Amino acid sequence: MCRNITTLRGLEPPATDEEITAAALQFVRKVTGVTKVSDATREPVEQATQEIADIVTRLLDTLPERRQPPKTVPPLRRAEVQERIAQRMKEREEHERMHELGIAHTH
């Protein structure tokens, strides 16, 4: 199993849809070898990710409660990961703004 996929069962508060989808995408990337989604791979990767996320959601809903919470904290609950995501979003928004304003820049 991919070491980057953390245990979602037994989290308090329960795993969010975003956390489940992130784990599903990580699984799809691992089994397909697709590290970066392109136009050619986008649709099948997104479809597989959604299907797996749906299955995981149903599975988590049907399993009994855990006696102890998982030992690891999911990445989306870690402060340093949230900071990286916020920085990437800020950079992406700035990049899109440059496009909208017609400002020359590099990619």
N, C-alpha and C. Protein backbone atom coordinates (compact mmCIF):
# COMPACT_ATOMS: atom_id res chain seq x y z
N MET A 1 0.85 -1.19 0.00
CA MET A 1 0.00 0.00 0.00
C MET A 1 0.88 1.23 0.00
N CYS A 2 0.42 2.26 -0.61
CA CYS A 2 1.16 3.52 -0.68
C CYS A 2 1.32 4.10 0.73
N ARG A 3 2.52 4.43 1.09
CA ARG A 3 2.77 4.96 2.42
C ARG A 3 2.17 6.34 2.62
N ASN A 4 1.84 7.05 1.56
CA ASN A 4 1.30 8.40 1.68
C ASN A 4 -0.20 8.44 1.97
N ILE A 5 -0.85 7.31 1.89
CA ILE A 5 -2.28 7.28 2.18
C ILE A 5 -2.45 7.01 3.66
N THR A 6 -3.08 7.93 4.37
CA THR A 6 -3.24 7.78 5.81
C THR A 6 -4.58 7.15 6.13
N THR A 7 -4.67 6.60 7.32
CA THR A 7 -5.90 5.97 7.79
C THR A 7 -6.95 7.05 8.06
N LEU A 8 -8.13 6.89 7.48
CA LEU A 8 -9.20 7.87 7.65
C LEU A 8 -10.27 7.39 8.63
N ARG A 9 -10.32 6.11 8.85
CA ARG A 9 -11.33 5.57 9.77
C ARG A 9 -10.97 5.91 11.21
N GLY A 10 -11.93 6.43 11.94
CA GLY A 10 -11.74 6.72 13.35
C GLY A 10 -11.27 8.12 13.66
N LEU A 11 -11.20 8.98 12.64
CA LEU A 11 -10.78 10.35 12.88
C LEU A 11 -11.86 11.11 13.63
N GLU A 12 -11.43 12.06 14.44
CA GLU A 12 -12.35 12.98 15.12
C GLU A 12 -11.93 14.39 14.81
N PRO A 13 -12.73 15.17 14.14
CA PRO A 13 -14.00 14.80 13.52
C PRO A 13 -13.78 13.82 12.37
N PRO A 14 -14.86 13.18 11.93
CA PRO A 14 -14.73 12.18 10.86
C PRO A 14 -14.08 12.77 9.59
N ALA A 15 -13.54 11.87 8.79
CA ALA A 15 -12.90 12.27 7.53
C ALA A 15 -13.86 13.08 6.68
N THR A 16 -13.33 14.14 6.08
CA THR A 16 -14.13 15.00 5.22
C THR A 16 -14.14 14.43 3.80
N ASP A 17 -15.05 14.93 2.98
CA ASP A 17 -15.08 14.53 1.57
C ASP A 17 -13.75 14.89 0.91
N GLU A 18 -13.18 16.03 1.27
CA GLU A 18 -11.91 16.46 0.68
C GLU A 18 -10.78 15.48 1.04
N GLU A 19 -10.75 15.02 2.29
CA GLU A 19 -9.72 14.07 2.71
C GLU A 19 -9.90 12.73 2.01
N ILE A 20 -11.13 12.29 1.86
CA ILE A 20 -11.40 11.03 1.17
C ILE A 20 -11.01 11.13 -0.29
N THR A 21 -11.35 12.23 -0.94
CA THR A 21 -10.99 12.42 -2.34
C THR A 21 -9.48 12.50 -2.52
N ALA A 22 -8.79 13.17 -1.60
CA ALA A 22 -7.33 13.26 -1.68
C ALA A 22 -6.70 11.87 -1.57
N ALA A 23 -7.20 11.04 -0.67
CA ALA A 23 -6.69 9.67 -0.52
C ALA A 23 -6.98 8.86 -1.78
N ALA A 24 -8.17 9.03 -2.35
CA ALA A 24 -8.54 8.31 -3.57
C ALA A 24 -7.63 8.72 -4.73
N LEU A 25 -7.36 10.01 -4.85
CA LEU A 25 -6.48 10.49 -5.92
C LEU A 25 -5.06 9.94 -5.73
N GLN A 26 -4.59 9.91 -4.50
CA GLN A 26 -3.26 9.35 -4.23
C GLN A 26 -3.20 7.89 -4.65
N PHE A 27 -4.26 7.14 -4.36
CA PHE A 27 -4.32 5.74 -4.75
C PHE A 27 -4.31 5.60 -6.28
N VAL A 28 -5.12 6.40 -6.96
CA VAL A 28 -5.19 6.34 -8.42
C VAL A 28 -3.82 6.69 -9.02
N ARG A 29 -3.18 7.70 -8.51
CA ARG A 29 -1.85 8.07 -9.02
C ARG A 29 -0.85 6.94 -8.83
N LYS A 30 -0.92 6.28 -7.67
CA LYS A 30 0.01 5.20 -7.37
C LYS A 30 -0.19 4.02 -8.32
N VAL A 31 -1.42 3.57 -8.48
CA VAL A 31 -1.65 2.37 -9.29
C VAL A 31 -1.50 2.62 -10.78
N THR A 32 -1.69 3.87 -11.23
CA THR A 32 -1.58 4.16 -12.66
C THR A 32 -0.21 4.68 -13.05
N GLY A 33 0.53 5.19 -12.08
CA GLY A 33 1.82 5.79 -12.41
C GLY A 33 1.69 7.20 -12.96
N VAL A 34 0.48 7.76 -12.93
CA VAL A 34 0.25 9.13 -13.41
C VAL A 34 0.59 10.08 -12.26
N THR A 35 1.71 10.77 -12.40
CA THR A 35 2.11 11.68 -11.33
C THR A 35 1.57 13.08 -11.53
N LYS A 36 1.38 13.44 -12.80
CA LYS A 36 0.82 14.76 -13.10
C LYS A 36 -0.29 14.57 -14.13
N VAL A 37 -1.48 15.03 -13.80
CA VAL A 37 -2.63 14.85 -14.68
C VAL A 37 -2.49 15.77 -15.89
N SER A 38 -2.66 15.19 -17.07
CA SER A 38 -2.60 15.96 -18.32
C SER A 38 -3.99 15.95 -18.96
N ASP A 39 -4.12 16.63 -20.08
CA ASP A 39 -5.40 16.62 -20.79
C ASP A 39 -5.78 15.20 -21.20
N ALA A 40 -4.79 14.38 -21.54
CA ALA A 40 -5.05 13.01 -21.98
C ALA A 40 -5.49 12.11 -20.84
N THR A 41 -5.06 12.41 -19.62
CA THR A 41 -5.37 11.53 -18.48
C THR A 41 -6.42 12.11 -17.53
N ARG A 42 -6.77 13.37 -17.70
CA ARG A 42 -7.66 14.05 -16.75
C ARG A 42 -8.98 13.32 -16.53
N GLU A 43 -9.70 13.05 -17.60
CA GLU A 43 -11.04 12.46 -17.46
C GLU A 43 -11.01 11.08 -16.79
N PRO A 44 -10.17 10.13 -17.26
CA PRO A 44 -10.18 8.84 -16.59
C PRO A 44 -9.69 8.90 -15.14
N VAL A 45 -8.72 9.76 -14.85
CA VAL A 45 -8.22 9.89 -13.48
C VAL A 45 -9.30 10.48 -12.58
N GLU A 46 -9.98 11.52 -13.05
CA GLU A 46 -11.04 12.14 -12.24
C GLU A 46 -12.19 11.16 -12.02
N GLN A 47 -12.56 10.40 -13.04
CA GLN A 47 -13.65 9.44 -12.90
C GLN A 47 -13.28 8.34 -11.91
N ALA A 48 -12.07 7.80 -12.04
CA ALA A 48 -11.64 6.75 -11.12
C ALA A 48 -11.54 7.28 -9.69
N THR A 49 -11.02 8.49 -9.54
CA THR A 49 -10.91 9.09 -8.22
C THR A 49 -12.28 9.24 -7.57
N GLN A 50 -13.26 9.71 -8.33
CA GLN A 50 -14.61 9.88 -7.79
C GLN A 50 -15.23 8.54 -7.41
N GLU A 51 -15.06 7.54 -8.27
CA GLU A 51 -15.62 6.22 -7.98
C GLU A 51 -15.00 5.64 -6.71
N ILE A 52 -13.68 5.76 -6.57
CA ILE A 52 -13.01 5.23 -5.39
C ILE A 52 -13.42 6.02 -4.15
N ALA A 53 -13.54 7.33 -4.27
CA ALA A 53 -13.97 8.15 -3.13
C ALA A 53 -15.37 7.74 -2.69
N ASP A 54 -16.26 7.47 -3.64
CA ASP A 54 -17.62 7.01 -3.29
C ASP A 54 -17.58 5.68 -2.55
N ILE A 55 -16.75 4.76 -3.04
CA ILE A 55 -16.62 3.45 -2.39
C ILE A 55 -16.07 3.60 -0.98
N VAL A 56 -15.04 4.43 -0.82
CA VAL A 56 -14.43 4.63 0.50
C VAL A 56 -15.43 5.27 1.45
N THR A 57 -16.20 6.23 0.97
CA THR A 57 -17.22 6.87 1.81
C THR A 57 -18.22 5.84 2.32
N ARG A 58 -18.71 4.99 1.41
CA ARG A 58 -19.66 3.95 1.83
C ARG A 58 -19.00 2.98 2.81
N LEU A 59 -17.76 2.61 2.54
CA LEU A 59 -17.05 1.69 3.41
C LEU A 59 -16.88 2.28 4.82
N LEU A 60 -16.44 3.53 4.90
CA LEU A 60 -16.26 4.16 6.21
C LEU A 60 -17.58 4.26 6.97
N ASP A 61 -18.66 4.47 6.23
CA ASP A 61 -19.98 4.57 6.86
C ASP A 61 -20.46 3.23 7.43
N THR A 62 -20.00 2.12 6.86
CA THR A 62 -20.49 0.82 7.29
C THR A 62 -19.59 0.12 8.30
N LEU A 63 -18.35 0.53 8.42
CA LEU A 63 -17.44 -0.12 9.37
C LEU A 63 -17.77 0.29 10.80
N PRO A 64 -17.51 -0.60 11.76
CA PRO A 64 -17.74 -0.24 13.16
C PRO A 64 -16.72 0.81 13.63
N GLU A 65 -17.03 1.44 14.76
CA GLU A 65 -16.13 2.44 15.33
C GLU A 65 -14.79 1.80 15.67
N ARG A 66 -13.75 2.59 15.60
CA ARG A 66 -12.42 2.13 16.03
C ARG A 66 -12.32 2.27 17.54
N ARG A 67 -11.53 1.44 18.15
CA ARG A 67 -11.31 1.54 19.59
C ARG A 67 -10.34 2.66 19.92
N GLN A 68 -9.40 2.91 19.00
CA GLN A 68 -8.42 3.98 19.19
C GLN A 68 -8.31 4.76 17.88
N PRO A 69 -8.03 6.04 17.98
CA PRO A 69 -7.88 6.83 16.75
C PRO A 69 -6.63 6.40 15.99
N PRO A 70 -6.55 6.73 14.70
CA PRO A 70 -5.35 6.41 13.92
C PRO A 70 -4.13 7.11 14.51
N LYS A 71 -2.95 6.52 14.29
CA LYS A 71 -1.72 7.07 14.84
C LYS A 71 -1.20 8.27 14.06
N THR A 72 -1.56 8.36 12.80
CA THR A 72 -1.07 9.47 11.97
C THR A 72 -2.19 10.46 11.69
N VAL A 73 -1.79 11.70 11.51
CA VAL A 73 -2.74 12.76 11.19
C VAL A 73 -2.77 12.91 9.67
N PRO A 74 -3.96 12.90 9.07
CA PRO A 74 -4.03 13.06 7.61
C PRO A 74 -3.38 14.38 7.18
N PRO A 75 -2.75 14.37 6.01
CA PRO A 75 -2.05 15.57 5.54
C PRO A 75 -2.90 16.83 5.55
N LEU A 76 -4.16 16.74 5.14
CA LEU A 76 -4.98 17.95 5.05
C LEU A 76 -5.29 18.54 6.42
N ARG A 77 -4.95 17.83 7.49
CA ARG A 77 -5.16 18.35 8.85
C ARG A 77 -3.86 18.90 9.44
N ARG A 78 -2.78 18.86 8.69
CA ARG A 78 -1.49 19.35 9.18
C ARG A 78 -1.30 20.81 8.78
N ALA A 79 -0.86 21.61 9.74
CA ALA A 79 -0.70 23.05 9.51
C ALA A 79 0.25 23.34 8.36
N GLU A 80 1.38 22.63 8.29
CA GLU A 80 2.36 22.91 7.24
C GLU A 80 1.80 22.61 5.85
N VAL A 81 0.95 21.60 5.75
CA VAL A 81 0.33 21.27 4.46
C VAL A 81 -0.69 22.36 4.09
N GLN A 82 -1.47 22.80 5.05
CA GLN A 82 -2.44 23.87 4.79
C GLN A 82 -1.73 25.14 4.34
N GLU A 83 -0.57 25.44 4.93
CA GLU A 83 0.21 26.61 4.52
C GLU A 83 0.69 26.47 3.08
N ARG A 84 1.18 25.27 2.70
CA ARG A 84 1.63 25.05 1.33
C ARG A 84 0.48 25.19 0.35
N ILE A 85 -0.68 24.65 0.70
CA ILE A 85 -1.85 24.76 -0.17
C ILE A 85 -2.25 26.22 -0.34
N ALA A 86 -2.27 26.97 0.76
CA ALA A 86 -2.63 28.39 0.70
C ALA A 86 -1.63 29.17 -0.16
N GLN A 87 -0.35 28.86 -0.05
CA GLN A 87 0.67 29.54 -0.85
C GLN A 87 0.49 29.22 -2.33
N ARG A 88 0.23 27.94 -2.65
CA ARG A 88 0.00 27.56 -4.05
C ARG A 88 -1.22 28.26 -4.62
N MET A 89 -2.29 28.34 -3.84
CA MET A 89 -3.51 29.02 -4.30
C MET A 89 -3.23 30.50 -4.55
N LYS A 90 -2.48 31.12 -3.66
CA LYS A 90 -2.13 32.53 -3.81
C LYS A 90 -1.32 32.74 -5.09
N GLU A 91 -0.34 31.88 -5.32
CA GLU A 91 0.49 31.98 -6.53
C GLU A 91 -0.35 31.74 -7.77
N ARG A 92 -1.26 30.77 -7.73
CA ARG A 92 -2.12 30.49 -8.88
C ARG A 92 -3.02 31.68 -9.19
N GLU A 93 -3.61 32.28 -8.15
CA GLU A 93 -4.47 33.44 -8.35
C GLU A 93 -3.69 34.61 -8.93
N GLU A 94 -2.47 34.81 -8.45
CA GLU A 94 -1.62 35.89 -8.98
C GLU A 94 -1.28 35.62 -10.44
N HIS A 95 -0.98 34.38 -10.77
CA HIS A 95 -0.66 34.01 -12.14
C HIS A 95 -1.86 34.26 -13.06
N GLU A 96 -3.04 33.86 -12.61
CA GLU A 96 -4.25 34.07 -13.42
C GLU A 96 -4.53 35.56 -13.58
N ARG A 97 -4.27 36.33 -12.53
CA ARG A 97 -4.47 37.78 -12.60
C ARG A 97 -3.54 38.40 -13.64
N MET A 98 -2.30 37.92 -13.72
CA MET A 98 -1.35 38.41 -14.72
C MET A 98 -1.87 38.12 -16.13
N HIS A 99 -2.44 36.93 -16.31
CA HIS A 99 -3.02 36.59 -17.61
C HIS A 99 -4.17 37.54 -17.95
N GLU A 100 -5.05 37.75 -16.98
CA GLU A 100 -6.21 38.63 -17.21
C GLU A 100 -5.80 40.05 -17.57
N LEU A 101 -4.73 40.53 -16.93
CA LEU A 101 -4.27 41.89 -17.17
C LEU A 101 -3.34 41.99 -18.37
N GLY A 102 -2.95 40.85 -18.93
CA GLY A 102 -2.08 40.86 -20.09
C GLY A 102 -0.63 41.20 -19.73
N ILE A 103 -0.24 40.94 -18.50
CA ILE A 103 1.12 41.24 -18.06
C ILE A 103 2.04 40.09 -18.48
N ALA A 104 3.16 40.46 -19.10
CA ALA A 104 4.12 39.45 -19.53
C ALA A 104 4.74 38.78 -18.31
N HIS A 105 4.89 37.45 -18.39
CA HIS A 105 5.49 36.68 -17.31
C HIS A 105 5.98 35.36 -17.86
N THR A 106 6.70 34.63 -17.02
CA THR A 106 7.21 33.32 -17.46
C THR A 106 6.40 32.22 -16.80
N HIS A 107 6.44 31.05 -17.41
CA HIS A 107 5.73 29.88 -16.86
C HIS A 107 6.74 28.89 -16.35
